[in-house]
Amino acid sequence: MKEYGLKSQKSGLETVGIKKVKEAHWNLTAAELTEDAVRLGEGHLTDTGALMCDTGKFTGRSPKDRFIVKDDLTKDKVWWGDINIPMEPDHFERIYNKMIGYLEDKTVYVRDAYAGADKTHRLKLRVVNTMAWHNLFCYNMFITPPDYKLQDFIPNFTIINCPDFEADPETDGVRQENFAIINFTKRIILIGGTAYSGEMKKGIFSVLNFLLPTQENVLPMHCSANMGIERHDTAIFFGLSGTGKTTLSADPERLLIGDDEHGWTEKNVFNFEGGCYAKVIDLSEEKEPDIYKAIKYGAILENTRFIPHTRTVDYNNSDVTENTRVSYPIEHIQNIAKPSIGGIPKNIFFLTCDAYGVIPPIQRLSKGQAMYHFISGYTSKVAGTEAGITEPKPVFSACFGAPFMPLHPTSYAEMLGKKMEEHQVNVWLINTGWSGGVYGVGSRIKLKYTRAMISAALSGVLENVGYRTHSIFGAEIPLTVPGVPNEILSPRETWKNDEAFYKKANELAFKFQKNFDQFREFASKDILAGEPQQNPKYQSATA
């Protein structure tokens, strides 16, 4: 086995059964990996120095092909179903042994890294890739240990990623040729048949979402986080795609802790990652200056295209996919916390883009309401975002990240509620969607108003204003917010038609209730008390 680069002296690839490869390149720098990727034809350099690569057939994760090995460790803890699909240990062993054989004549890139900025709770990773640019992705997205730590680095989880290796659905217990399999007992993730790099990032996120709550009493969160430059007050932002999570957490007056994955301990909030993985479709310097400027040497663009006859990226081009992305080290952002750790949060923001136009721009949630909305994870899609969508469509994703949550969502919600109570945290539901009517009738809430509401909550101004109670969602609506017209704070008043408003609000409340039926038997009375209630005057059989 040929080996290049700085490697562990106490444990090599043998720790995961890899006894023979053609060559092994250990812990190469970003420059070395970029050079190899270009030399091997894996990508091209853009005019800003970023590396542009394609992910092939799969331009996103494949949730139906993500498995967890069901064994003594996981069988009674994992919430099995369409999200957490079980795999028999025998099928894992079969695929694993075939992958080990596949690697015997391959060149691999090996990276030792951390997941977790908090030294007490971090995971030590070893990643084995057959593609240079995938190893560069891991260099960006995970945390690089100092050189002296690599001399005796012993991993406690390993990823083996072979995009060109395909499984056999007839014998290997998989649905099709591609797969991502997590084995918590052997502490290995196997990925094959797909070159989509996000499978590695989200695989480790899923691992932390299982290990941290069950073994370390840490709440893992699919969120962004920032903190004040002077007061160092930490804020957390939850939200599904299109709700403004990245935009609103990137505040020039606050330090970015991280943009996607965090843990909440007894003492702090810490970033799991060492980089950012952002969508770039329709990106412009005006709309997202931080992301735009971060796309330079060391960054990786996925599935984008050049303006013809140039090396300039056409961010409006969606020929390959709408899910074009960039991966870059967090250091490419100027306003960051060093290290990526903040204190106990004072404010939490649940972001939703409500195309029904019935959720207020800002509400303060009780503990029960916060847990209920956390489990629900609501936003909506609008006409034109996907084929076949002609009217607003509600989207629910438990804990704002259902595909990555191995445990039952109520277990994460109970942890959130407990921490809210212990630390007297304010939780706000922020609607970045429509006001004055549904999508197509009303208008989208202005970004400057949303920013003003978040600033008011962060500054403590909203502790000293009056509140009214939303008749259906039950949460508190501030009567006034500096910089925001009072009339838009109450959605009913912006509609000008009570009957139309309550019918639409009832319709959305009913959809919340139907979605929550899958969690109802596991939910506490406190959580159920946070459920929206329809207005009986306008109630129908199906709302």
Protein backbone atom coordinates (compact mmCIF):
# COMPACT_ATOMS: atom_id res chain seq x y z
CA MET A 1 0.00 0.00 0.00
CA LYS A 2 1.52 3.32 -1.07
CA GLU A 3 0.80 6.16 1.31
CA TYR A 4 1.31 9.89 0.84
CA GLY A 5 0.81 12.82 3.17
CA LEU A 6 0.55 13.16 6.93
CA LYS A 7 -1.20 10.13 8.41
CA SER A 8 -1.94 8.55 11.74
CA GLN A 9 0.94 6.47 13.08
CA LYS A 10 -1.21 4.31 15.35
CA SER A 11 -4.01 3.33 13.01
CA GLY A 12 -4.36 3.26 9.25
CA LEU A 13 -7.02 1.93 6.92
CA GLU A 14 -6.78 -1.45 8.61
CA THR A 15 -9.04 -0.09 11.37
CA VAL A 16 -11.99 -0.49 9.01
CA GLY A 17 -10.78 -3.63 7.28
CA ILE A 18 -9.17 -2.00 4.24
CA LYS A 19 -5.98 -4.03 3.85
CA LYS A 20 -5.03 -3.17 0.29
CA VAL A 21 -5.41 -0.19 -2.05
CA LYS A 22 -3.36 0.98 -5.01
CA GLU A 23 -2.39 4.28 -3.37
CA ALA A 24 -3.53 6.18 -0.30
CA HIS A 25 -3.20 9.98 -0.13
CA TRP A 26 -3.53 11.14 3.49
CA ASN A 27 -4.75 14.54 4.64
CA LEU A 28 -3.80 16.50 1.54
CA THR A 29 -4.16 20.27 1.53
CA ALA A 30 -6.95 22.07 -0.31
CA ALA A 31 -4.46 23.12 -3.00
CA GLU A 32 -3.24 19.54 -3.53
CA LEU A 33 -6.78 18.20 -3.75
CA THR A 34 -7.84 20.93 -6.17
CA GLU A 35 -4.84 20.17 -8.39
CA ASP A 36 -5.63 16.45 -8.39
CA ALA A 37 -9.32 17.05 -9.15
CA VAL A 38 -8.44 19.18 -12.19
CA ARG A 39 -5.68 16.79 -13.35
CA LEU A 40 -8.04 13.81 -13.11
CA GLY A 41 -10.82 15.57 -14.99
CA GLU A 42 -13.14 15.71 -11.97
CA GLY A 43 -13.76 19.44 -12.35
CA HIS A 44 -12.78 22.80 -13.81
CA LEU A 45 -11.57 26.05 -12.27
CA THR A 46 -13.81 29.10 -12.51
CA ASP A 47 -12.59 32.65 -12.98
CA THR A 48 -12.73 33.18 -9.20
CA GLY A 49 -10.57 30.10 -8.55
CA ALA A 50 -13.39 27.88 -7.29
CA LEU A 51 -13.58 24.27 -8.47
CA MET A 52 -16.69 23.37 -10.48
CA CYS A 53 -17.78 19.70 -10.38
CA ASP A 54 -20.77 17.61 -11.43
CA THR A 55 -22.44 15.02 -9.19
CA GLY A 56 -23.70 12.87 -12.06
CA LYS A 57 -27.07 11.14 -12.04
CA PHE A 58 -27.92 12.28 -8.52
CA THR A 59 -28.07 16.03 -7.95
CA GLY A 60 -29.43 15.70 -4.42
CA ARG A 61 -29.78 13.22 -1.61
CA SER A 62 -31.74 10.04 -2.27
CA PRO A 63 -33.81 9.61 0.93
CA LYS A 64 -35.43 6.35 -0.20
CA ASP A 65 -31.95 4.81 -0.45
CA ARG A 66 -30.64 5.80 2.97
CA PHE A 67 -30.57 2.94 5.47
CA ILE A 68 -29.75 2.33 9.13
CA VAL A 69 -28.58 -1.12 10.18
CA LYS A 70 -31.15 -2.61 12.54
CA ASP A 71 -29.39 -4.47 15.34
CA ASP A 72 -29.36 -4.69 19.13
CA LEU A 73 -28.11 -1.10 19.46
CA THR A 74 -30.71 0.52 17.21
CA LYS A 75 -33.80 -1.70 17.08
CA ASP A 76 -35.55 -0.13 20.10
CA LYS A 77 -34.21 3.43 19.72
CA VAL A 78 -34.61 4.39 16.07
CA TRP A 79 -37.96 5.66 14.77
CA TRP A 80 -38.29 3.17 11.91
CA GLY A 81 -40.34 3.98 8.81
CA ASP A 82 -40.06 5.75 5.46
CA ILE A 83 -37.37 8.08 6.80
CA ASN A 84 -35.27 5.63 8.81
CA ILE A 85 -35.31 2.52 6.63
CA PRO A 86 -33.96 -0.63 8.32
CA MET A 87 -31.26 -2.84 6.81
CA GLU A 88 -30.33 -6.30 8.05
CA PRO A 89 -26.74 -6.68 9.34
CA ASP A 90 -26.11 -9.48 6.82
CA HIS A 91 -26.87 -7.16 3.92
CA PHE A 92 -24.53 -4.52 5.32
CA GLU A 93 -21.74 -7.11 5.62
CA ARG A 94 -22.28 -8.22 2.05
CA ILE A 95 -22.02 -4.69 0.64
CA TYR A 96 -19.12 -3.83 2.96
CA ASN A 97 -17.07 -6.86 1.86
CA LYS A 98 -17.72 -6.11 -1.80
CA MET A 99 -16.61 -2.49 -1.32
CA ILE A 100 -13.40 -3.57 0.42
CA GLY A 101 -12.62 -5.79 -2.56
CA TYR A 102 -13.51 -3.00 -4.97
CA LEU A 103 -10.94 -0.70 -3.33
CA GLU A 104 -7.98 -3.07 -3.78
CA ASP A 105 -6.89 -1.54 -7.11
CA LYS A 106 -8.10 1.99 -6.45
CA THR A 107 -6.37 5.20 -5.42
CA VAL A 108 -8.01 6.65 -2.33
CA TYR A 109 -7.94 9.98 -0.52
CA VAL A 110 -8.09 9.72 3.25
CA ARG A 111 -9.01 12.57 5.58
CA ASP A 112 -9.00 12.68 9.38
CA ALA A 113 -11.31 15.35 10.75
CA TYR A 114 -13.61 16.43 13.55
CA ALA A 115 -17.36 16.96 13.54
CA GLY A 116 -18.07 19.41 16.35
CA ALA A 117 -16.37 22.63 17.46
CA ASP A 118 -16.86 21.70 21.14
CA LYS A 119 -13.93 19.48 22.17
CA THR A 120 -16.06 17.66 24.74
CA HIS A 121 -18.67 16.47 22.27
CA ARG A 122 -16.87 16.24 18.93
CA LEU A 123 -16.77 13.14 16.75
CA LYS A 124 -13.43 11.99 15.33
CA LEU A 125 -13.91 11.03 11.68
CA ARG A 126 -11.95 9.20 9.04
CA VAL A 127 -13.20 9.64 5.47
CA VAL A 128 -12.05 7.39 2.61
CA ASN A 129 -12.85 8.75 -0.86
CA THR A 130 -12.13 7.56 -4.38
CA MET A 131 -12.54 11.09 -5.75
CA ALA A 132 -10.25 14.00 -4.92
CA TRP A 133 -13.01 16.61 -4.98
CA HIS A 134 -15.06 14.61 -2.46
CA ASN A 135 -12.11 14.71 -0.09
CA LEU A 136 -11.86 18.47 -0.66
CA PHE A 137 -15.57 18.69 0.23
CA CYS A 138 -14.80 16.96 3.53
CA TYR A 139 -11.85 19.32 4.07
CA ASN A 140 -14.33 22.20 3.75
CA MET A 141 -17.28 20.78 5.65
CA PHE A 142 -15.59 19.14 8.62
CA ILE A 143 -13.03 20.58 11.03
CA THR A 144 -9.32 20.01 10.34
CA PRO A 145 -7.26 18.92 13.37
CA PRO A 146 -3.84 20.51 13.91
CA ASP A 147 -0.97 18.43 12.50
CA TYR A 148 0.23 17.24 15.90
CA LYS A 149 -3.20 15.72 16.56
CA LEU A 150 -2.96 13.64 13.38
CA GLN A 151 0.05 11.66 14.65
CA ASP A 152 -2.07 9.54 16.98
CA PHE A 153 -5.52 10.11 15.47
CA ILE A 154 -7.87 7.22 16.15
CA PRO A 155 -11.30 7.71 14.53
CA ASN A 156 -14.57 6.81 16.20
CA PHE A 157 -16.60 6.91 12.97
CA THR A 158 -15.58 6.21 9.37
CA ILE A 159 -17.10 7.06 5.98
CA ILE A 160 -16.22 4.93 2.95
CA ASN A 161 -17.47 6.62 -0.21
CA CYS A 162 -17.16 4.96 -3.63
CA PRO A 163 -19.43 6.72 -6.16
CA ASP A 164 -18.69 4.24 -8.96
CA PHE A 165 -19.41 1.18 -6.81
CA GLU A 166 -22.99 -0.05 -7.25
CA ALA A 167 -24.94 -2.50 -5.10
CA ASP A 168 -27.12 -5.32 -6.44
CA PRO A 169 -30.80 -4.83 -5.50
CA GLU A 170 -31.46 -8.56 -5.94
CA THR A 171 -28.96 -9.68 -3.32
CA ASP A 172 -27.89 -6.67 -1.23
CA GLY A 173 -31.14 -5.57 0.42
CA VAL A 174 -31.25 -2.22 -1.38
CA ARG A 175 -33.89 -0.58 -3.57
CA GLN A 176 -31.53 0.27 -6.42
CA GLU A 177 -27.82 0.55 -7.14
CA ASN A 178 -27.12 3.64 -5.00
CA PHE A 179 -27.10 3.62 -1.20
CA ALA A 180 -26.06 5.40 1.99
CA ILE A 181 -25.93 3.05 4.98
CA ILE A 182 -25.24 3.93 8.62
CA ASN A 183 -24.03 1.18 10.94
CA PHE A 184 -23.97 2.56 14.51
CA THR A 185 -22.54 -0.62 16.01
CA LYS A 186 -19.56 -0.81 13.62
CA ARG A 187 -19.45 3.00 13.41
CA ILE A 188 -19.20 3.02 9.63
CA ILE A 189 -21.09 4.83 6.88
CA LEU A 190 -21.02 3.24 3.41
CA ILE A 191 -21.92 5.37 0.39
CA GLY A 192 -21.99 4.12 -3.19
CA GLY A 193 -23.64 4.59 -6.56
CA THR A 194 -23.95 8.37 -6.13
CA ALA A 195 -21.49 11.25 -6.41
CA TYR A 196 -23.70 13.71 -4.52
CA SER A 197 -21.34 14.99 -1.82
CA GLY A 198 -24.12 16.02 0.56
CA GLU A 199 -24.69 12.36 1.46
CA MET A 200 -21.47 12.50 3.52
CA LYS A 201 -22.38 15.71 5.33
CA LYS A 202 -25.91 14.58 6.14
CA GLY A 203 -24.75 11.09 7.03
CA ILE A 204 -22.60 12.47 9.85
CA PHE A 205 -25.40 14.83 10.89
CA SER A 206 -27.68 11.78 11.24
CA VAL A 207 -25.00 10.05 13.32
CA LEU A 208 -24.76 13.03 15.69
CA ASN A 209 -28.56 13.26 15.87
CA PHE A 210 -28.53 9.71 17.28
CA LEU A 211 -25.45 9.76 19.50
CA LEU A 212 -25.64 13.19 21.14
CA PRO A 213 -29.17 12.96 22.65
CA THR A 214 -28.86 9.31 23.72
CA GLN A 215 -25.29 9.35 25.07
CA GLU A 216 -24.37 12.96 25.90
CA ASN A 217 -27.61 14.85 26.66
CA VAL A 218 -26.92 17.30 23.83
CA LEU A 219 -29.76 18.56 21.60
CA PRO A 220 -28.72 18.37 17.92
CA MET A 221 -30.37 20.99 15.72
CA HIS A 222 -30.81 21.59 11.99
CA CYS A 223 -30.44 25.37 12.25
CA SER A 224 -28.22 28.37 11.72
CA ALA A 225 -26.83 30.35 14.66
CA ASN A 226 -25.22 33.72 15.27
CA MET A 227 -24.33 35.98 18.18
CA GLY A 228 -24.01 39.68 18.89
CA ILE A 229 -20.61 41.27 18.36
CA GLU A 230 -20.66 43.13 21.68
CA ARG A 231 -23.10 41.28 23.95
CA HIS A 232 -22.34 37.83 22.50
CA ASP A 233 -26.02 36.89 22.86
CA THR A 234 -26.72 33.75 20.84
CA ALA A 235 -29.70 33.35 18.50
CA ILE A 236 -30.84 30.23 16.65
CA PHE A 237 -32.75 30.11 13.34
CA PHE A 238 -34.75 27.07 12.24
CA GLY A 239 -36.39 26.94 8.83
CA LEU A 240 -36.87 24.82 5.74
CA SER A 241 -35.68 25.81 2.26
CA GLY A 242 -37.03 29.15 1.07
CA THR A 243 -37.84 30.57 4.51
CA GLY A 244 -34.81 32.87 4.73
CA LYS A 245 -32.68 30.97 7.25
CA THR A 246 -29.35 31.73 5.56
CA THR A 247 -30.26 35.32 4.69
CA LEU A 248 -31.55 36.26 8.14
CA SER A 249 -28.72 34.62 10.10
CA ALA A 250 -26.11 36.40 7.96
CA ASP A 251 -26.35 39.71 9.80
CA PRO A 252 -23.50 42.25 9.39
CA GLU A 253 -24.00 43.29 13.02
CA ARG A 254 -23.66 39.73 14.35
CA LEU A 255 -21.10 36.92 14.16
CA LEU A 256 -22.01 33.75 12.30
CA ILE A 257 -21.54 30.61 14.42
CA GLY A 258 -22.70 28.30 11.64
CA ASP A 259 -25.29 28.02 8.90
CA ASP A 260 -26.77 24.52 9.21
CA GLU A 261 -25.95 22.08 12.05
CA HIS A 262 -25.46 22.73 15.77
CA GLY A 263 -25.54 21.13 19.20
CA TRP A 264 -26.96 22.67 22.40
CA THR A 265 -25.14 21.55 25.54
CA GLU A 266 -25.54 22.57 29.19
CA LYS A 267 -23.03 25.36 28.55
CA ASN A 268 -23.14 26.43 24.92
CA VAL A 269 -24.27 26.10 21.31
CA PHE A 270 -21.59 24.76 18.97
CA ASN A 271 -21.27 24.26 15.23
CA PHE A 272 -20.89 20.68 14.00
CA GLU A 273 -19.16 21.80 10.82
CA GLY A 274 -16.13 23.64 9.55
CA GLY A 275 -17.80 25.03 6.45
CA CYS A 276 -21.00 25.99 4.67
CA TYR A 277 -23.01 24.24 1.96
CA ALA A 278 -25.30 26.79 0.35
CA LYS A 279 -27.67 26.84 -2.60
CA VAL A 280 -26.51 29.13 -5.41
CA ILE A 281 -29.39 29.08 -7.88
CA ASP A 282 -30.04 32.71 -8.93
CA LEU A 283 -27.22 33.86 -6.63
CA SER A 284 -26.10 37.47 -6.94
CA GLU A 285 -23.72 39.68 -5.00
CA GLU A 286 -26.59 42.04 -4.22
CA LYS A 287 -28.85 39.33 -2.72
CA GLU A 288 -26.24 37.24 -0.88
CA PRO A 289 -22.94 39.18 -0.70
CA ASP A 290 -21.32 36.87 1.89
CA ILE A 291 -21.93 33.70 -0.12
CA TYR A 292 -21.03 35.36 -3.40
CA LYS A 293 -17.66 36.54 -2.07
CA ALA A 294 -16.94 33.15 -0.48
CA ILE A 295 -16.85 31.43 -3.88
CA LYS A 296 -13.12 31.59 -4.44
CA TYR A 297 -10.13 29.25 -4.47
CA GLY A 298 -10.87 26.32 -2.14
CA ALA A 299 -14.63 26.45 -2.71
CA ILE A 300 -16.49 23.79 -4.72
CA LEU A 301 -19.44 24.55 -6.98
CA GLU A 302 -21.77 21.66 -7.79
CA ASN A 303 -23.77 21.25 -11.01
CA THR A 304 -23.43 24.87 -12.13
CA ARG A 305 -22.59 25.96 -15.69
CA PHE A 306 -20.39 28.63 -17.28
CA ILE A 307 -21.58 31.56 -19.34
CA PRO A 308 -20.68 30.32 -22.87
CA HIS A 309 -17.07 30.91 -23.93
CA THR A 310 -16.06 32.11 -20.45
CA ARG A 311 -15.05 30.73 -17.07
CA THR A 312 -17.69 32.88 -15.36
CA VAL A 313 -20.43 30.97 -13.58
CA ASP A 314 -24.00 31.48 -14.76
CA TYR A 315 -25.86 31.24 -11.47
CA ASN A 316 -29.22 31.55 -13.22
CA ASN A 317 -28.61 28.35 -15.18
CA SER A 318 -30.67 25.40 -13.92
CA ASP A 319 -30.03 23.05 -16.87
CA VAL A 320 -28.64 20.38 -14.54
CA THR A 321 -30.73 21.06 -11.43
CA GLU A 322 -32.33 23.77 -9.30
CA ASN A 323 -30.21 22.36 -6.45
CA THR A 324 -26.92 23.96 -7.51
CA ARG A 325 -24.67 24.40 -4.48
CA VAL A 326 -21.36 25.65 -3.16
CA SER A 327 -19.18 24.22 -0.39
CA TYR A 328 -16.60 26.48 1.25
CA PRO A 329 -14.69 26.73 4.55
CA ILE A 330 -16.42 28.95 7.08
CA GLU A 331 -13.27 31.12 7.09
CA HIS A 332 -14.36 32.37 3.65
CA ILE A 333 -17.00 34.39 5.54
CA GLN A 334 -15.69 37.56 7.21
CA ASN A 335 -18.06 37.93 10.15
CA ILE A 336 -17.62 34.62 12.00
CA ALA A 337 -17.27 33.51 15.60
CA LYS A 338 -13.88 31.93 16.41
CA PRO A 339 -14.19 29.18 17.48
CA SER A 340 -17.68 28.35 16.17
CA ILE A 341 -19.22 28.33 19.65
CA GLY A 342 -21.78 30.61 21.30
CA GLY A 343 -23.44 30.79 24.69
CA ILE A 344 -26.89 29.56 25.72
CA PRO A 345 -29.40 31.09 23.27
CA LYS A 346 -31.69 33.86 24.46
CA ASN A 347 -33.91 33.79 21.36
CA ILE A 348 -34.96 31.07 18.93
CA PHE A 349 -36.65 31.84 15.62
CA PHE A 350 -38.82 29.34 13.75
CA LEU A 351 -39.01 30.63 10.17
CA THR A 352 -41.92 29.72 7.91
CA CYS A 353 -42.96 30.97 4.48
CA ASP A 354 -46.75 30.83 4.86
CA ALA A 355 -48.35 31.09 1.42
CA TYR A 356 -51.82 30.91 3.02
CA GLY A 357 -51.26 34.39 4.43
CA VAL A 358 -52.81 33.61 7.82
CA ILE A 359 -49.79 33.25 10.13
CA PRO A 360 -48.70 36.60 11.64
CA PRO A 361 -45.29 38.04 10.71
CA ILE A 362 -44.20 37.46 14.32
CA GLN A 363 -45.62 35.50 17.26
CA ARG A 364 -44.18 34.60 20.65
CA LEU A 365 -44.73 30.92 21.44
CA SER A 366 -45.34 29.24 24.77
CA LYS A 367 -43.31 26.14 25.65
CA GLY A 368 -46.07 23.82 24.43
CA GLN A 369 -46.58 25.79 21.23
CA ALA A 370 -42.84 25.82 20.57
CA MET A 371 -42.60 22.04 20.95
CA TYR A 372 -45.66 21.54 18.73
CA HIS A 373 -44.33 23.80 15.96
CA PHE A 374 -40.86 22.27 16.30
CA ILE A 375 -42.30 18.80 15.67
CA SER A 376 -44.48 20.14 12.82
CA GLY A 377 -41.69 22.04 10.97
CA TYR A 378 -44.11 23.89 8.68
CA THR A 379 -43.59 25.95 5.55
CA SER A 380 -45.33 26.01 2.17
CA LYS A 381 -44.46 25.71 -1.47
CA VAL A 382 -45.99 28.05 -4.00
CA ALA A 383 -47.04 27.74 -7.62
CA GLY A 384 -44.09 27.55 -9.97
CA THR A 385 -41.58 26.10 -7.50
CA GLU A 386 -42.22 22.52 -8.64
CA ALA A 387 -44.04 20.90 -11.53
CA GLY A 388 -47.70 20.29 -10.74
CA ILE A 389 -48.01 22.85 -7.95
CA THR A 390 -50.78 25.28 -8.91
CA GLU A 391 -51.74 26.54 -5.45
CA PRO A 392 -50.02 26.80 -2.05
CA LYS A 393 -48.98 23.41 -0.71
CA PRO A 394 -48.13 22.88 2.97
CA VAL A 395 -44.81 21.18 3.74
CA PHE A 396 -44.08 19.63 7.12
CA SER A 397 -40.66 18.33 8.14
CA ALA A 398 -40.33 17.22 11.77
CA CYS A 399 -37.75 19.22 13.75
CA PHE A 400 -37.11 21.20 10.55
CA GLY A 401 -34.96 18.28 9.38
CA ALA A 402 -36.94 15.01 9.34
CA PRO A 403 -34.66 13.14 6.90
CA PHE A 404 -31.77 13.33 9.39
CA MET A 405 -33.52 12.47 12.68
CA PRO A 406 -33.10 8.81 13.73
CA LEU A 407 -35.05 9.22 17.00
CA HIS A 408 -38.75 9.96 17.34
CA PRO A 409 -39.36 13.73 16.85
CA THR A 410 -41.03 14.06 20.26
CA SER A 411 -37.75 13.12 21.97
CA TYR A 412 -36.01 16.13 20.38
CA ALA A 413 -39.00 18.36 21.17
CA GLU A 414 -39.00 17.36 24.83
CA MET A 415 -35.31 18.27 25.05
CA LEU A 416 -36.06 21.64 23.47
CA GLY A 417 -38.90 22.32 25.91
CA LYS A 418 -36.74 21.42 28.88
CA LYS A 419 -33.97 23.76 27.74
CA MET A 420 -36.47 26.57 27.09
CA GLU A 421 -37.73 26.24 30.64
CA GLU A 422 -34.28 25.96 32.25
CA HIS A 423 -32.87 29.01 30.50
CA GLN A 424 -36.03 31.13 29.99
CA VAL A 425 -35.57 31.25 26.22
CA ASN A 426 -37.96 33.17 23.97
CA VAL A 427 -39.20 31.28 20.90
CA TRP A 428 -40.62 33.30 18.01
CA LEU A 429 -42.55 32.06 14.99
CA ILE A 430 -41.62 34.34 12.07
CA ASN A 431 -43.64 34.31 8.85
CA THR A 432 -41.52 35.41 5.89
CA GLY A 433 -44.35 34.56 3.50
CA TRP A 434 -47.56 36.30 2.55
CA SER A 435 -49.77 38.95 4.15
CA GLY A 436 -53.14 40.41 3.11
CA GLY A 437 -54.27 37.23 1.36
CA VAL A 438 -52.98 33.97 -0.05
CA TYR A 439 -50.12 33.72 -2.55
CA GLY A 440 -51.31 35.40 -5.73
CA VAL A 441 -53.65 37.76 -3.86
CA GLY A 442 -51.66 39.19 -0.97
CA SER A 443 -48.05 40.33 -1.02
CA ARG A 444 -44.89 38.88 0.51
CA ILE A 445 -43.79 40.43 3.78
CA LYS A 446 -40.92 42.83 3.12
CA LEU A 447 -37.49 41.64 4.18
CA LYS A 448 -36.80 44.95 5.94
CA TYR A 449 -39.86 44.35 8.16
CA THR A 450 -38.73 40.83 9.00
CA ARG A 451 -35.26 42.10 9.89
CA ALA A 452 -36.80 44.82 12.08
CA MET A 453 -38.90 42.23 13.94
CA ILE A 454 -35.90 40.00 14.57
CA SER A 455 -33.81 42.99 15.70
CA ALA A 456 -36.57 44.03 18.10
CA ALA A 457 -36.73 40.53 19.59
CA LEU A 458 -32.93 40.34 19.94
CA SER A 459 -32.67 43.77 21.57
CA GLY A 460 -35.32 42.98 24.18
CA VAL A 461 -37.66 45.73 22.98
CA LEU A 462 -40.52 43.25 22.64
CA GLU A 463 -40.42 42.52 26.36
CA ASN A 464 -42.04 45.92 26.91
CA VAL A 465 -44.93 45.94 24.43
CA GLY A 466 -48.50 44.71 24.66
CA TYR A 467 -49.69 41.48 23.03
CA ARG A 468 -52.89 40.06 21.60
CA THR A 469 -53.64 36.35 21.20
CA HIS A 470 -54.14 34.74 17.78
CA SER A 471 -57.60 33.16 17.87
CA ILE A 472 -56.55 30.02 15.95
CA PHE A 473 -52.82 29.56 16.52
CA GLY A 474 -53.08 30.74 20.13
CA ALA A 475 -49.71 32.49 20.26
CA GLU A 476 -49.00 36.06 21.30
CA ILE A 477 -48.82 38.79 18.65
CA PRO A 478 -47.01 42.01 19.65
CA LEU A 479 -49.18 45.11 19.25
CA THR A 480 -46.26 47.16 18.02
CA VAL A 481 -42.74 46.58 16.65
CA PRO A 482 -40.33 49.46 15.93
CA GLY A 483 -39.96 50.01 12.19
CA VAL A 484 -42.96 47.84 11.27
CA PRO A 485 -46.46 49.21 10.42
CA ASN A 486 -48.90 48.09 13.12
CA GLU A 487 -51.50 47.06 10.55
CA ILE A 488 -49.43 44.18 9.14
CA LEU A 489 -48.89 42.56 12.56
CA SER A 490 -52.44 41.14 12.55
CA PRO A 491 -53.10 39.05 9.42
CA ARG A 492 -56.86 39.17 9.95
CA GLU A 493 -56.82 42.95 9.66
CA THR A 494 -54.79 42.85 6.44
CA TRP A 495 -57.33 40.55 4.78
CA LYS A 496 -60.26 43.00 5.12
CA ASN A 497 -62.61 40.00 4.97
CA ASP A 498 -63.10 38.04 8.19
CA GLU A 499 -64.93 35.11 6.65
CA ALA A 500 -62.30 34.53 3.94
CA PHE A 501 -59.51 34.83 6.51
CA TYR A 502 -61.01 32.40 9.01
CA LYS A 503 -61.88 29.83 6.36
CA LYS A 504 -58.31 29.85 5.11
CA ALA A 505 -56.90 29.85 8.66
CA ASN A 506 -59.14 26.91 9.54
CA GLU A 507 -57.91 25.09 6.45
CA LEU A 508 -54.29 25.50 7.51
CA ALA A 509 -55.05 24.56 11.14
CA PHE A 510 -56.74 21.38 9.89
CA LYS A 511 -53.64 20.50 7.86
CA PHE A 512 -51.49 20.97 10.97
CA GLN A 513 -53.80 18.64 12.90
CA LYS A 514 -53.81 15.96 10.19
CA ASN A 515 -50.02 16.06 9.90
CA PHE A 516 -49.66 15.79 13.67
CA ASP A 517 -51.76 12.62 13.83
CA GLN A 518 -48.61 10.58 13.15
CA PHE A 519 -47.03 11.95 16.35
CA ARG A 520 -50.10 12.30 18.55
CA GLU A 521 -49.84 9.08 20.56
CA PHE A 522 -46.25 9.94 21.58
CA ALA A 523 -46.90 13.59 22.40
CA SER A 524 -47.30 14.92 25.95
CA LYS A 525 -50.27 17.04 27.08
CA ASP A 526 -47.97 20.06 27.05
CA ILE A 527 -47.18 19.54 23.36
CA LEU A 528 -50.80 18.87 22.39
CA ALA A 529 -51.88 22.06 24.17
CA GLY A 530 -49.88 23.98 21.54
CA GLU A 531 -52.00 22.72 18.64
CA PRO A 532 -53.90 25.27 16.50
CA GLN A 533 -57.67 25.20 17.01
CA GLN A 534 -60.18 25.93 14.24
CA ASN A 535 -62.73 28.69 14.62
CA PRO A 536 -66.02 26.75 14.97
CA LYS A 537 -68.03 29.52 13.31
CA TYR A 538 -66.23 28.87 10.00
CA GLN A 539 -65.43 25.19 10.46
CA SER A 540 -66.29 22.57 7.84
CA ALA A 541 -65.74 18.81 7.71
CA THR A 542 -62.39 19.19 5.97
CA ALA A 543 -61.68 22.78 6.98
